[in-house]
PDB file of N, CA and C in Angstrom:
ATOM      1  N   MET A   1     194.620   5.161 152.407  1.00  0.00           N
ATOM      2  CA  MET A   1     195.825   6.113 152.995  1.00  0.00           C
ATOM      3  C   MET A   1     196.148   7.166 152.472  1.00  0.00           C
ATOM      4  N   LYS A   2     196.125   7.364 151.438  1.00  0.00           N
ATOM      5  CA  LYS A   2     196.319   8.837 150.688  1.00  0.00           C
ATOM      6  C   LYS A   2     195.993   9.701 151.139  1.00  0.00           C
ATOM      7  N   ARG A   3     194.101   9.386 151.143  1.00  0.00           N
ATOM      8  CA  ARG A   3     193.031  10.385 151.128  1.00  0.00           C
ATOM      9  C   ARG A   3     193.130  10.707 153.207  1.00  0.00           C
ATOM     10  N   VAL A   4     193.664   9.639 153.904  1.00  0.00           N
ATOM     11  CA  VAL A   4     193.422   9.528 155.164  1.00  0.00           C
ATOM     12  C   VAL A   4     194.940  10.976 155.553  1.00  0.00           C
ATOM     13  N   CYS A   5     195.883  10.792 154.631  1.00  0.00           N
ATOM     14  CA  CYS A   5     196.878  11.720 154.902  1.00  0.00           C
ATOM     15  C   CYS A   5     196.202  13.216 154.284  1.00  0.00           C
ATOM     16  N   MET A   6     195.808  13.292 153.432  1.00  0.00           N
ATOM     17  CA  MET A   6     195.698  14.503 153.212  1.00  0.00           C
ATOM     18  C   MET A   6     194.324  14.992 153.756  1.00  0.00           C
ATOM     19  N   ALA A   7     193.547  14.219 154.833  1.00  0.00           N
ATOM     20  CA  ALA A   7     192.259  15.058 155.215  1.00  0.00           C
ATOM     21  C   ALA A   7     192.982  15.347 156.829  1.00  0.00           C
ATOM     22  N   LEU A   8     194.122  14.630 157.443  1.00  0.00           N
ATOM     23  CA  LEU A   8     194.827  15.127 158.289  1.00  0.00           C
ATOM     24  C   LEU A   8     195.710  16.497 158.131  1.00  0.00           C
ATOM     25  N   PHE A   9     196.210  16.373 156.959  1.00  0.00           N
ATOM     26  CA  PHE A   9     197.059  17.607 156.551  1.00  0.00           C
ATOM     27  C   PHE A   9     195.851  18.483 156.600  1.00  0.00           C
ATOM     28  N   CYS A  10     195.111  18.402 155.753  1.00  0.00           N
ATOM     29  CA  CYS A  10     194.127  20.036 155.965  1.00  0.00           C
ATOM     30  C   CYS A  10     193.736  20.326 157.244  1.00  0.00           C
ATOM     31  N   VAL A  11     193.296  19.152 158.217  1.00  0.00           N
ATOM     32  CA  VAL A  11     192.747  19.552 159.736  1.00  0.00           C
ATOM     33  C   VAL A  11     193.940  20.245 160.137  1.00  0.00           C
ATOM     34  N   LEU A  12     195.174  19.652 159.673  1.00  0.00           N
ATOM     35  CA  LEU A  12     196.264  20.688 160.432  1.00  0.00           C
ATOM     36  C   LEU A  12     196.208  22.127 160.109  1.00  0.00           C
ATOM     37  N   LEU A  13     196.097  22.012 158.881  1.00  0.00           N
ATOM     38  CA  LEU A  13     196.331  23.643 158.206  1.00  0.00           C
ATOM     39  C   LEU A  13     195.120  24.663 158.360  1.00  0.00           C
ATOM     40  N   VAL A  14     194.231  23.995 158.900  1.00  0.00           N
ATOM     41  CA  VAL A  14     192.788  24.701 159.245  1.00  0.00           C
ATOM     42  C   VAL A  14     192.882  25.512 161.085  1.00  0.00           C
ATOM     43  N   MET A  15     193.791  24.585 161.757  1.00  0.00           N
ATOM     44  CA  MET A  15     193.967  24.312 162.739  1.00  0.00           C
ATOM     45  C   MET A  15     195.280  25.846 163.322  1.00  0.00           C
ATOM     46  N   VAL A  16     196.025  25.437 162.481  1.00  0.00           N
ATOM     47  CA  VAL A  16     197.569  26.608 162.278  1.00  0.00           C
ATOM     48  C   VAL A  16     196.774  27.747 162.120  1.00  0.00           C
ATOM     49  N   PHE A  17     196.378  27.692 161.293  1.00  0.00           N
ATOM     50  CA  PHE A  17     195.502  29.388 160.717  1.00  0.00           C
ATOM     51  C   PHE A  17     194.466  29.509 161.622  1.00  0.00           C
ATOM     52  N   SER A  18     193.640  29.069 162.507  1.00  0.00           N
ATOM     53  CA  SER A  18     192.304  29.407 163.237  1.00  0.00           C
ATOM     54  C   SER A  18     193.123  29.786 164.432  1.00  0.00           C
ATOM     55  N   VAL A  19     194.261  29.216 164.882  1.00  0.00           N
ATOM     56  CA  VAL A  19     194.712  29.984 165.986  1.00  0.00           C
ATOM     57  C   VAL A  19     195.196  31.309 166.096  1.00  0.00           C
ATOM     58  N   PRO A  20     195.712  31.999 165.400  1.00  0.00           N
ATOM     59  CA  PRO A  20     195.869  33.368 165.558  1.00  0.00           C
ATOM     60  C   PRO A  20     194.966  34.315 165.822  1.00  0.00           C
ATOM     61  N   VAL A  21     193.621  33.741 164.789  1.00  0.00           N
ATOM     62  CA  VAL A  21     192.361  34.755 165.131  1.00  0.00           C
ATOM     63  C   VAL A  21     191.542  34.180 166.036  1.00  0.00           C
ATOM     64  N   MET A  22     191.698  33.042 166.692  1.00  0.00           N
ATOM     65  CA  MET A  22     191.214  32.824 168.326  1.00  0.00           C
ATOM     66  C   MET A  22     191.709  33.923 169.356  1.00  0.00           C
ATOM     67  N   ALA A  23     193.183  33.469 169.085  1.00  0.00           N
ATOM     68  CA  ALA A  23     193.915  34.583 169.883  1.00  0.00           C
ATOM     69  C   ALA A  23     193.569  36.092 169.627  1.00  0.00           C
ATOM     70  N   ALA A  24     193.386  36.408 168.642  1.00  0.00           N
ATOM     71  CA  ALA A  24     193.073  37.735 168.651  1.00  0.00           C
ATOM     72  C   ALA A  24     191.718  38.171 168.888  1.00  0.00           C
ATOM     73  N   GLY A  25     191.199  37.475 168.886  1.00  0.00           N
ATOM     74  CA  GLY A  25     189.720  37.839 169.812  1.00  0.00           C
ATOM     75  C   GLY A  25     189.801  38.518 171.082  1.00  0.00           C
ATOM     76  N   ASN A  26     191.259  37.980 171.677  1.00  0.00           N
ATOM     77  CA  ASN A  26     190.870  38.617 173.090  1.00  0.00           C
ATOM     78  C   ASN A  26     191.518  40.418 173.108  1.00  0.00           C
ATOM     79  N   TRP A  27     191.950  40.911 172.490  1.00  0.00           N
ATOM     80  CA  TRP A  27     192.162  42.198 172.429  1.00  0.00           C
ATOM     81  C   TRP A  27     191.088  42.698 172.158  1.00  0.00           C
ATOM     82  N   ARG A  28     190.172  42.048 171.600  1.00  0.00           N
ATOM     83  CA  ARG A  28     189.046  42.883 171.045  1.00  0.00           C
ATOM     84  C   ARG A  28     187.603  42.981 171.687  1.00  0.00           C
ATOM     85  N   ASP A  29     187.929  42.011 173.253  1.00  0.00           N
ATOM     86  CA  ASP A  29     186.988  41.790 174.268  1.00  0.00           C
ATOM     87  C   ASP A  29     187.877  42.780 174.868  1.00  0.00           C
ATOM     88  N   GLY A  30     189.050  42.615 175.253  1.00  0.00           N
ATOM     89  CA  GLY A  30     189.911  43.957 176.042  1.00  0.00           C
ATOM     90  C   GLY A  30     189.507  45.374 175.378  1.00  0.00           C
ATOM     91  N   LYS A  31     189.417  45.555 174.333  1.00  0.00           N
ATOM     92  CA  LYS A  31     188.669  46.497 173.768  1.00  0.00           C
ATOM     93  C   LYS A  31     187.217  47.386 174.454  1.00  0.00           C
ATOM     94  N   LYS A  32     186.766  46.390 174.400  1.00  0.00           N
ATOM     95  CA  LYS A  32     184.817  46.751 175.256  1.00  0.00           C
ATOM     96  C   LYS A  32     185.011  46.914 176.529  1.00  0.00           C
ATOM     97  N   ILE A  33     185.669  46.321 177.026  1.00  0.00           N
ATOM     98  CA  ILE A  33     186.310  46.344 178.549  1.00  0.00           C
ATOM     99  C   ILE A  33     186.208  47.349 178.827  1.00  0.00           C
ATOM    100  N   TYR A  34     187.478  48.495 177.914  1.00  0.00           N
ATOM    101  CA  TYR A  34     187.902  49.510 178.039  1.00  0.00           C
ATOM    102  C   TYR A  34     187.219  50.285 178.283  1.00  0.00           C
ATOM    103  N   LYS A  35     186.312  50.324 176.775  1.00  0.00           N
ATOM    104  CA  LYS A  35     184.983  51.283 176.387  1.00  0.00           C
ATOM    105  C   LYS A  35     183.656  51.347 177.669  1.00  0.00           C
ATOM    106  N   SER A  36     184.081  50.040 178.419  1.00  0.00           N
ATOM    107  CA  SER A  36     182.976  49.955 179.038  1.00  0.00           C
ATOM    108  C   SER A  36     183.325  50.526 180.463  1.00  0.00           C
ATOM    109  N   ASN A  37     184.572  50.573 181.422  1.00  0.00           N
ATOM    110  CA  ASN A  37     184.695  50.348 182.280  1.00  0.00           C
ATOM    111  C   ASN A  37     185.696  51.285 182.435  1.00  0.00           C
ATOM    112  N   CYS A  38     186.385  51.581 181.300  1.00  0.00           N
ATOM    113  CA  CYS A  38     187.715  53.041 181.675  1.00  0.00           C
ATOM    114  C   CYS A  38     187.366  54.442 180.896  1.00  0.00           C
ATOM    115  N   MET A  39     187.183  54.052 179.614  1.00  0.00           N
ATOM    116  CA  MET A  39     186.637  55.236 178.798  1.00  0.00           C
ATOM    117  C   MET A  39     185.759  56.343 180.056  1.00  0.00           C
ATOM    118  N   SER A  40     184.881  56.137 180.626  1.00  0.00           N
ATOM    119  CA  SER A  40     184.294  56.917 181.272  1.00  0.00           C
ATOM    120  C   SER A  40     185.161  57.857 182.234  1.00  0.00           C
ATOM    121  N   CYS A  41     186.249  57.638 182.616  1.00  0.00           N
ATOM    122  CA  CYS A  41     187.086  58.199 183.480  1.00  0.00           C
ATOM    123  C   CYS A  41     187.923  58.907 182.489  1.00  0.00           C
ATOM    124  N   HIS A  42     188.701  57.793 181.641  1.00  0.00           N
ATOM    125  CA  HIS A  42     189.877  58.473 181.077  1.00  0.00           C
ATOM    126  C   HIS A  42     189.333  58.984 179.490  1.00  0.00           C
ATOM    127  N   LYS A  43     189.164  59.739 179.378  1.00  0.00           N
ATOM    128  CA  LYS A  43     188.594  60.642 178.055  1.00  0.00           C
ATOM    129  C   LYS A  43     188.962  61.863 178.108  1.00  0.00           C
ATOM    130  N   ARG A  44     188.866  62.536 177.229  1.00  0.00           N
ATOM    131  CA  ARG A  44     189.096  63.923 177.124  1.00  0.00           C
ATOM    132  C   ARG A  44     188.279  64.403 178.002  1.00  0.00           C
ATOM    133  N   GLY A  45     188.762  65.265 178.893  1.00  0.00           N
ATOM    134  CA  GLY A  45     187.703  66.109 179.640  1.00  0.00           C
ATOM    135  C   GLY A  45     187.055  65.188 180.964  1.00  0.00           C
ATOM    136  N   GLY A  46     187.383  63.879 181.094  1.00  0.00           N
ATOM    137  CA  GLY A  46     187.037  63.321 182.013  1.00  0.00           C
ATOM    138  C   GLY A  46     187.390  63.153 183.222  1.00  0.00           C
ATOM    139  N   GLU A  47     187.391  62.462 184.445  1.00  0.00           N
ATOM    140  CA  GLU A  47     187.917  62.710 185.914  1.00  0.00           C
ATOM    141  C   GLU A  47     189.465  62.357 185.476  1.00  0.00           C
ATOM    142  N   ALA A  48     189.727  61.468 184.811  1.00  0.00           N
ATOM    143  CA  ALA A  48     191.271  61.159 185.077  1.00  0.00           C
ATOM    144  C   ALA A  48     191.915  61.436 183.478  1.00  0.00           C
ATOM    145  N   LYS A  49     193.068  61.422 183.680  1.00  0.00           N
ATOM    146  CA  LYS A  49     193.788  61.884 182.260  1.00  0.00           C
ATOM    147  C   LYS A  49     193.568  60.820 181.024  1.00  0.00           C
ATOM    148  N   ARG A  50     193.336  61.539 179.930  1.00  0.00           N
ATOM    149  CA  ARG A  50     193.183  60.666 178.804  1.00  0.00           C
ATOM    150  C   ARG A  50     194.687  59.670 178.849  1.00  0.00           C
ATOM    151  N   LEU A  51     194.131  58.496 178.460  1.00  0.00           N
ATOM    152  CA  LEU A  51     194.876  57.130 178.403  1.00  0.00           C
ATOM    153  C   LEU A  51     195.884  57.155 177.085  1.00  0.00           C
ATOM    154  N   LYS A  52     197.253  57.053 176.779  1.00  0.00           N
ATOM    155  CA  LYS A  52     197.567  57.171 175.656  1.00  0.00           C
ATOM    156  C   LYS A  52     197.965  55.506 175.663  1.00  0.00           C
ATOM    157  N   LEU A  53     197.671  54.652 174.912  1.00  0.00           N
ATOM    158  CA  LEU A  53     198.390  53.469 175.618  1.00  0.00           C
ATOM    159  C   LEU A  53     199.374  53.163 174.433  1.00  0.00           C
ATOM    160  N   ASN A  54     200.049  53.878 173.558  1.00  0.00           N
ATOM    161  CA  ASN A  54     201.196  54.026 172.995  1.00  0.00           C
ATOM    162  C   ASN A  54     202.252  54.551 174.137  1.00  0.00           C
ATOM    163  N   LYS A  55     201.805  54.963 174.707  1.00  0.00           N
ATOM    164  CA  LYS A  55     202.990  55.796 176.071  1.00  0.00           C
ATOM    165  C   LYS A  55     203.900  55.325 176.725  1.00  0.00           C
ATOM    166  N   PHE A  56     203.233  53.472 176.913  1.00  0.00           N
ATOM    167  CA  PHE A  56     204.180  52.924 177.368  1.00  0.00           C
ATOM    168  C   PHE A  56     204.517  51.489 176.593  1.00  0.00           C
ATOM    169  N   SER A  57     205.584  50.633 177.160  1.00  0.00           N
ATOM    170  CA  SER A  57     206.190  49.573 176.420  1.00  0.00           C
ATOM    171  C   SER A  57     205.560  48.363 176.817  1.00  0.00           C
ATOM    172  N   LYS A  58     205.495  47.520 176.488  1.00  0.00           N
ATOM    173  CA  LYS A  58     204.150  46.058 176.883  1.00  0.00           C
ATOM    174  C   LYS A  58     205.030  45.738 178.087  1.00  0.00           C
ATOM    175  N   ALA A  59     205.963  45.789 178.468  1.00  0.00           N
ATOM    176  CA  ALA A  59     206.506  45.321 180.049  1.00  0.00           C
ATOM    177  C   ALA A  59     206.256  46.265 181.102  1.00  0.00           C
ATOM    178  N   ARG A  60     206.054  47.891 180.162  1.00  0.00           N
ATOM    179  CA  ARG A  60     205.133  48.390 181.404  1.00  0.00           C
ATOM    180  C   ARG A  60     203.915  48.531 181.643  1.00  0.00           C
ATOM    181  N   TRP A  61     203.136  47.949 180.755  1.00  0.00           N
ATOM    182  CA  TRP A  61     201.812  47.830 181.012  1.00  0.00           C
ATOM    183  C   TRP A  61     201.534  46.680 181.564  1.00  0.00           C
ATOM    184  N   THR A  62     202.328  45.514 181.577  1.00  0.00           N
ATOM    185  CA  THR A  62     202.571  44.189 182.032  1.00  0.00           C
ATOM    186  C   THR A  62     202.820  44.957 183.956  1.00  0.00           C
ATOM    187  N   LYS A  63     203.397  45.369 183.748  1.00  0.00           N
ATOM    188  CA  LYS A  63     203.922  45.656 185.275  1.00  0.00           C
ATOM    189  C   LYS A  63     202.413  46.496 186.141  1.00  0.00           C
ATOM    190  N   TYR A  64     201.996  47.329 185.543  1.00  0.00           N
ATOM    191  CA  TYR A  64     201.019  48.232 186.131  1.00  0.00           C
ATOM    192  C   TYR A  64     199.556  47.391 186.331  1.00  0.00           C
ATOM    193  N   PHE A  65     199.504  46.478 185.179  1.00  0.00           N
ATOM    194  CA  PHE A  65     198.490  45.287 185.722  1.00  0.00           C
ATOM    195  C   PHE A  65     198.626  44.388 186.520  1.00  0.00           C
ATOM    196  N   SER A  66     199.788  44.074 187.042  1.00  0.00           N
ATOM    197  CA  SER A  66     200.209  43.233 188.122  1.00  0.00           C
ATOM    198  C   SER A  66     200.421  44.100 189.540  1.00  0.00           C
ATOM    199  N   GLU A  67     200.839  45.656 189.438  1.00  0.00           N
ATOM    200  CA  GLU A  67     200.726  46.444 190.859  1.00  0.00           C
ATOM    201  C   GLU A  67     198.916  46.166 191.375  1.00  0.00           C
ATOM    202  N   GLU A  68     198.798  46.132 192.696  1.00  0.00           N
ATOM    203  CA  GLU A  68     197.557  46.117 193.390  1.00  0.00           C
ATOM    204  C   GLU A  68     197.009  47.910 193.262  1.00  0.00           C
ATOM    205  N   LYS A  69     196.257  47.655 192.524  1.00  0.00           N
ATOM    206  CA  LYS A  69     195.461  48.943 192.594  1.00  0.00           C
ATOM    207  C   LYS A  69     194.667  49.795 193.609  1.00  0.00           C
ATOM    208  N   LYS A  70     194.904  51.472 193.850  1.00  0.00           N
ATOM    209  CA  LYS A  70     194.924  52.105 195.014  1.00  0.00           C
ATOM    210  C   LYS A  70     193.712  53.214 194.593  1.00  0.00           C
ATOM    211  N   GLY A  71     193.147  53.587 195.160  1.00  0.00           N
ATOM    212  CA  GLY A  71     192.500  55.099 195.087  1.00  0.00           C
ATOM    213  C   GLY A  71     191.258  54.933 193.895  1.00  0.00           C
ATOM    214  N   LYS A  72     190.975  55.755 193.287  1.00  0.00           N
ATOM    215  CA  LYS A  72     189.600  55.575 192.139  1.00  0.00           C
ATOM    216  C   LYS A  72     189.578  53.951 191.420  1.00  0.00           C
ATOM    217  N   HIS A  73     190.996  53.433 190.818  1.00  0.00           N
ATOM    218  CA  HIS A  73     191.233  52.333 190.149  1.00  0.00           C
ATOM    219  C   HIS A  73     190.802  50.719 190.954  1.00  0.00           C
ATOM    220  N   THR A  74     190.478  51.041 192.351  1.00  0.00           N
ATOM    221  CA  THR A  74     190.260  49.894 193.131  1.00  0.00           C
ATOM    222  C   THR A  74     188.831  49.858 192.980  1.00  0.00           C
ATOM    223  N   GLU A  75     187.811  50.002 192.729  1.00  0.00           N
ATOM    224  CA  GLU A  75     186.856  49.456 192.896  1.00  0.00           C
ATOM    225  C   GLU A  75     186.630  49.104 191.277  1.00  0.00           C
ATOM    226  N   PRO A  76     186.701  49.863 190.083  1.00  0.00           N
ATOM    227  CA  PRO A  76     186.241  49.140 188.622  1.00  0.00           C
ATOM    228  C   PRO A  76     187.494  48.057 188.474  1.00  0.00           C
ATOM    229  N   TRP A  77     188.619  48.237 189.409  1.00  0.00           N
ATOM    230  CA  TRP A  77     189.524  46.899 188.820  1.00  0.00           C
ATOM    231  C   TRP A  77     189.543  45.685 189.335  1.00  0.00           C
ATOM    232  N   GLY A  78     188.770  45.765 191.417  1.00  0.00           N
ATOM    233  CA  GLY A  78     188.172  44.855 191.703  1.00  0.00           C
ATOM    234  C   GLY A  78     187.239  44.063 191.213  1.00  0.00           C
ATOM    235  N   GLU A  79     186.134  45.152 190.333  1.00  0.00           N
ATOM    236  CA  GLU A  79     184.487  44.183 189.325  1.00  0.00           C
ATOM    237  C   GLU A  79     185.110  43.553 188.194  1.00  0.00           C
ATOM    238  N   LEU A  80     186.387  43.588 187.594  1.00  0.00           N
ATOM    239  CA  LEU A  80     186.800  42.632 186.726  1.00  0.00           C
ATOM    240  C   LEU A  80     187.318  41.099 187.112  1.00  0.00           C
ATOM    241  N   THR A  81     186.973  40.324 186.075  1.00  0.00           N
ATOM    242  CA  THR A  81     187.274  39.017 186.688  1.00  0.00           C
ATOM    243  C   THR A  81     188.647  39.142 185.676  1.00  0.00           C
ATOM    244  N   GLU A  82     189.355  37.909 186.003  1.00  0.00           N
ATOM    245  CA  GLU A  82     191.001  37.637 185.840  1.00  0.00           C
ATOM    246  C   GLU A  82     191.213  37.877 184.190  1.00  0.00           C
ATOM    247  N   ALA A  83     189.991  36.842 183.587  1.00  0.00           N
ATOM    248  CA  ALA A  83     189.753  36.895 182.273  1.00  0.00           C
ATOM    249  C   ALA A  83     189.640  38.254 181.391  1.00  0.00           C
ATOM    250  N   GLN A  84     188.987  38.771 181.883  1.00  0.00           N
ATOM    251  CA  GLN A  84     188.928  40.233 181.528  1.00  0.00           C
ATOM    252  C   GLN A  84     190.041  41.288 181.869  1.00  0.00           C
ATOM    253  N   LYS A  85     190.805  41.130 182.573  1.00  0.00           N
ATOM    254  CA  LYS A  85     191.719  41.738 182.912  1.00  0.00           C
ATOM    255  C   LYS A  85     192.813  41.535 182.052  1.00  0.00           C
ATOM    256  N   LYS A  86     193.171  39.913 181.494  1.00  0.00           N
ATOM    257  CA  LYS A  86     193.713  39.394 180.757  1.00  0.00           C
ATOM    258  C   LYS A  86     193.398  40.134 179.174  1.00  0.00           C
ATOM    259  N   ASN A  87     192.418  40.062 178.818  1.00  0.00           N
ATOM    260  CA  ASN A  87     191.983  40.468 177.683  1.00  0.00           C
ATOM    261  C   ASN A  87     192.143  41.967 177.308  1.00  0.00           C
ATOM    262  N   LEU A  88     192.127  42.830 178.964  1.00  0.00           N
ATOM    263  CA  LEU A  88     192.316  44.294 178.612  1.00  0.00           C
ATOM    264  C   LEU A  88     193.941  44.323 178.879  1.00  0.00           C
ATOM    265  N   LEU A  89     195.056  43.703 179.197  1.00  0.00           N
ATOM    266  CA  LEU A  89     196.330  43.655 179.484  1.00  0.00           C
ATOM    267  C   LEU A  89     196.548  43.452 177.515  1.00  0.00           C
ATOM    268  N   LYS A  90     195.567  42.536 176.847  1.00  0.00           N
ATOM    269  CA  LYS A  90     196.062  42.198 175.382  1.00  0.00           C
ATOM    270  C   LYS A  90     195.903  43.282 174.639  1.00  0.00           C
ATOM    271  N   TYR A  91     194.529  44.130 175.043  1.00  0.00           N
ATOM    272  CA  TYR A  91     194.612  45.236 174.480  1.00  0.00           C
ATOM    273  C   TYR A  91     195.214  46.670 174.416  1.00  0.00           C
ATOM    274  N   PHE A  92     195.469  46.552 175.470  1.00  0.00           N
ATOM    275  CA  PHE A  92     196.631  47.658 176.078  1.00  0.00           C
ATOM    276  C   PHE A  92     198.242  46.886 175.173  1.00  0.00           C
ATOM    277  N   HIS A  93     198.613  45.942 175.187  1.00  0.00           N
ATOM    278  CA  HIS A  93     200.003  45.212 174.198  1.00  0.00           C
ATOM    279  C   HIS A  93     199.697  45.865 172.986  1.00  0.00           C
ATOM    280  N   LYS A  94     198.411  45.558 172.556  1.00  0.00           N
ATOM    281  CA  LYS A  94     198.310  45.494 171.074  1.00  0.00           C
ATOM    282  C   LYS A  94     198.694  47.276 170.483  1.00  0.00           C
ATOM    283  N   TYR A  95     198.626  48.102 171.358  1.00  0.00           N
ATOM    284  CA  TYR A  95     199.069  49.498 170.902  1.00  0.00           C
ATOM    285  C   TYR A  95     199.809  49.857 171.739  1.00  0.00           C
ATOM    286  N   ALA A  96     201.046  49.243 172.615  1.00  0.00           N
ATOM    287  CA  ALA A  96     201.856  49.509 173.158  1.00  0.00           C
ATOM    288  C   ALA A  96     203.202  50.100 172.444  1.00  0.00           C
ATOM    289  N   LYS A  97     204.013  51.284 173.021  1.00  0.00           N
ATOM    290  CA  LYS A  97     204.852  51.667 171.873  1.00  0.00           C
ATOM    291  C   LYS A  97     205.731  51.017 171.555  1.00  0.00           C
ATOM    292  N   ASP A  98     206.087  49.421 172.022  1.00  0.00           N
ATOM    293  CA  ASP A  98     207.030  48.594 171.041  1.00  0.00           C
ATOM    294  C   ASP A  98     206.578  47.548 170.433  1.00  0.00           C
ATOM    295  N   ASP A  99     205.655  47.986 170.052  1.00  0.00           N
ATOM    296  CA  ASP A  99     204.064  47.075 169.276  1.00  0.00           C
ATOM    297  C   ASP A  99     204.649  47.128 167.766  1.00  0.00           C
ATOM    298  N   LYS A 100     204.857  46.156 166.896  1.00  0.00           N
ATOM    299  CA  LYS A 100     205.788  46.354 165.461  1.00  0.00           C
ATOM    300  C   LYS A 100     204.562  46.930 164.573  1.00  0.00           C
ATOM    301  N   GLN A 101     202.962  46.700 164.705  1.00  0.00           N
ATOM    302  CA  GLN A 101     202.101  46.813 164.233  1.00  0.00           C
ATOM    303  C   GLN A 101     202.405  48.482 164.331  1.00  0.00           C
ATOM    304  N   ILE A 102     202.501  48.866 165.348  1.00  0.00           N
ATOM    305  CA  ILE A 102     202.550  50.661 165.405  1.00  0.00           C
ATOM    306  C   ILE A 102     203.346  51.295 164.226  1.00  0.00           C
ATOM    307  N   LEU A 103     204.288  50.622 164.809  1.00  0.00           N
ATOM    308  CA  LEU A 103     205.366  51.270 163.532  1.00  0.00           C
ATOM    309  C   LEU A 103     205.402  51.093 162.233  1.00  0.00           C
ATOM    310  N   GLY A 104     204.162  50.451 161.507  1.00  0.00           N
ATOM    311  CA  GLY A 104     203.714  50.642 160.190  1.00  0.00           C
ATOM    312  C   GLY A 104     204.331  48.621 159.490  1.00  0.00           C
ATOM    313  N   CYS A 105     204.718  48.228 160.749  1.00  0.00           N
ATOM    314  CA  CYS A 105     205.031  46.461 159.975  1.00  0.00           C
ATOM    315  C   CYS A 105     203.662  45.866 159.867  1.00  0.00           C
ATOM    316  N   GLY A 106     202.837  46.020 159.702  1.00  0.00           N
ATOM    317  CA  GLY A 106     201.609  45.210 160.192  1.00  0.00           C
ATOM    318  C   GLY A 106     200.773  45.278 159.536  1.00  0.00           C
TER     319      GLY A 106
END
Protein backbone atom coordinates (compact mmCIF):
# COMPACT_ATOMS: atom_id res chain seq x y z
CA MET A 1 0.00 0.00 0.00
CA LYS A 2 2.83 2.36 0.85
CA ARG A 3 4.46 1.73 -2.53
CA VAL A 4 1.21 2.38 -4.40
CA CYS A 5 0.69 5.67 -2.57
CA MET A 6 4.27 6.71 -3.25
CA ALA A 7 3.92 5.81 -6.95
CA LEU A 8 0.69 7.82 -7.23
CA PHE A 9 2.33 10.74 -5.48
CA CYS A 10 5.24 10.65 -7.94
CA VAL A 11 2.88 10.55 -10.92
CA LEU A 12 0.95 13.48 -9.49
CA LEU A 13 4.16 15.49 -9.06
CA VAL A 14 5.22 14.80 -12.63
CA MET A 15 1.81 15.92 -13.90
CA VAL A 16 1.80 19.11 -11.81
CA PHE A 17 5.23 20.18 -13.02
CA SER A 18 4.72 19.19 -16.65
CA VAL A 19 1.51 21.17 -17.24
CA PRO A 20 3.22 24.62 -17.26
CA VAL A 21 5.91 23.29 -19.58
CA MET A 22 3.33 21.95 -22.03
CA ALA A 23 1.31 25.18 -21.86
CA ALA A 24 4.44 27.26 -22.42
CA GLY A 25 5.01 25.53 -25.74
CA ASN A 26 2.05 27.39 -27.23
CA TRP A 27 3.73 30.80 -27.10
CA ARG A 28 6.77 29.30 -28.79
CA ASP A 29 4.56 28.09 -31.63
CA GLY A 30 3.08 31.59 -31.75
CA LYS A 31 6.56 33.05 -32.09
CA LYS A 32 7.21 30.81 -35.10
CA ILE A 33 3.90 31.89 -36.65
CA TYR A 34 4.76 35.54 -36.00
CA LYS A 35 8.16 35.17 -37.66
CA SER A 36 6.83 33.28 -40.68
CA ASN A 37 3.60 35.23 -41.28
CA CYS A 38 3.85 38.68 -39.70
CA MET A 39 7.51 39.66 -39.83
CA SER A 40 7.53 39.92 -43.61
CA CYS A 41 5.58 43.20 -43.28
CA HIS A 42 5.97 44.14 -39.61
CA LYS A 43 9.70 44.74 -39.52
CA ARG A 44 11.92 47.77 -39.65
CA GLY A 45 11.67 49.10 -43.19
CA GLY A 46 8.76 46.75 -43.99
CA GLU A 47 5.40 47.53 -45.56
CA ALA A 48 3.72 47.91 -42.18
CA LYS A 49 4.84 49.52 -38.95
CA ARG A 50 7.10 47.47 -36.75
CA LEU A 51 5.07 45.74 -34.03
CA LYS A 52 6.03 46.48 -30.45
CA LEU A 53 4.33 43.72 -28.50
CA ASN A 54 4.82 45.52 -25.19
CA LYS A 55 2.94 48.59 -26.44
CA PHE A 56 -0.46 47.15 -25.48
CA SER A 57 -1.91 45.24 -22.54
CA LYS A 58 -3.10 41.64 -22.71
CA ALA A 59 -6.71 42.89 -22.78
CA ARG A 60 -5.97 45.15 -25.76
CA TRP A 61 -4.25 42.35 -27.69
CA THR A 62 -7.18 40.02 -26.92
CA LYS A 63 -9.60 42.65 -28.23
CA TYR A 64 -7.52 43.09 -31.39
CA PHE A 65 -7.47 39.34 -32.03
CA SER A 66 -11.26 39.14 -31.65
CA GLU A 67 -11.92 41.96 -34.15
CA GLU A 68 -12.63 41.29 -37.81
CA LYS A 69 -9.53 41.84 -39.93
CA LYS A 70 -9.73 44.23 -42.86
CA GLY A 71 -7.34 45.50 -45.48
CA LYS A 72 -3.92 43.89 -45.72
CA HIS A 73 -4.53 41.67 -42.67
CA THR A 74 -7.51 39.90 -44.24
CA GLU A 75 -5.56 37.39 -46.31
CA PRO A 76 -2.81 36.32 -43.91
CA TRP A 77 -5.24 36.23 -40.98
CA GLY A 78 -7.72 34.11 -42.92
CA GLU A 79 -5.03 31.54 -43.68
CA LEU A 80 -4.32 30.87 -39.99
CA THR A 81 -6.12 28.09 -38.14
CA GLU A 82 -7.84 28.82 -34.82
CA ALA A 83 -5.04 26.97 -33.00
CA GLN A 84 -2.43 29.14 -34.74
CA LYS A 85 -4.34 32.29 -33.79
CA LYS A 86 -4.48 31.14 -30.16
CA ASN A 87 -0.76 30.44 -30.13
CA LEU A 88 -0.04 33.80 -31.73
CA LEU A 89 -2.16 35.51 -29.06
CA LYS A 90 -0.24 33.65 -26.34
CA TYR A 91 2.99 34.98 -27.84
CA PHE A 92 1.61 38.53 -27.87
CA HIS A 93 0.41 38.09 -24.26
CA LYS A 94 3.85 36.93 -23.18
CA TYR A 95 5.36 40.30 -24.11
CA ALA A 96 2.34 42.51 -23.37
CA LYS A 97 3.04 45.58 -21.26
CA ASP A 98 1.15 44.20 -18.26
CA ASP A 99 3.01 40.87 -18.18
CA LYS A 100 5.04 40.51 -14.97
CA GLN A 101 8.01 38.93 -16.74
CA ILE A 102 8.66 42.15 -18.64
CA LEU A 103 8.92 44.02 -15.34
CA GLY A 104 11.77 41.82 -14.13
CA CYS A 105 9.71 39.55 -11.93
CA GLY A 106 10.42 36.34 -13.76
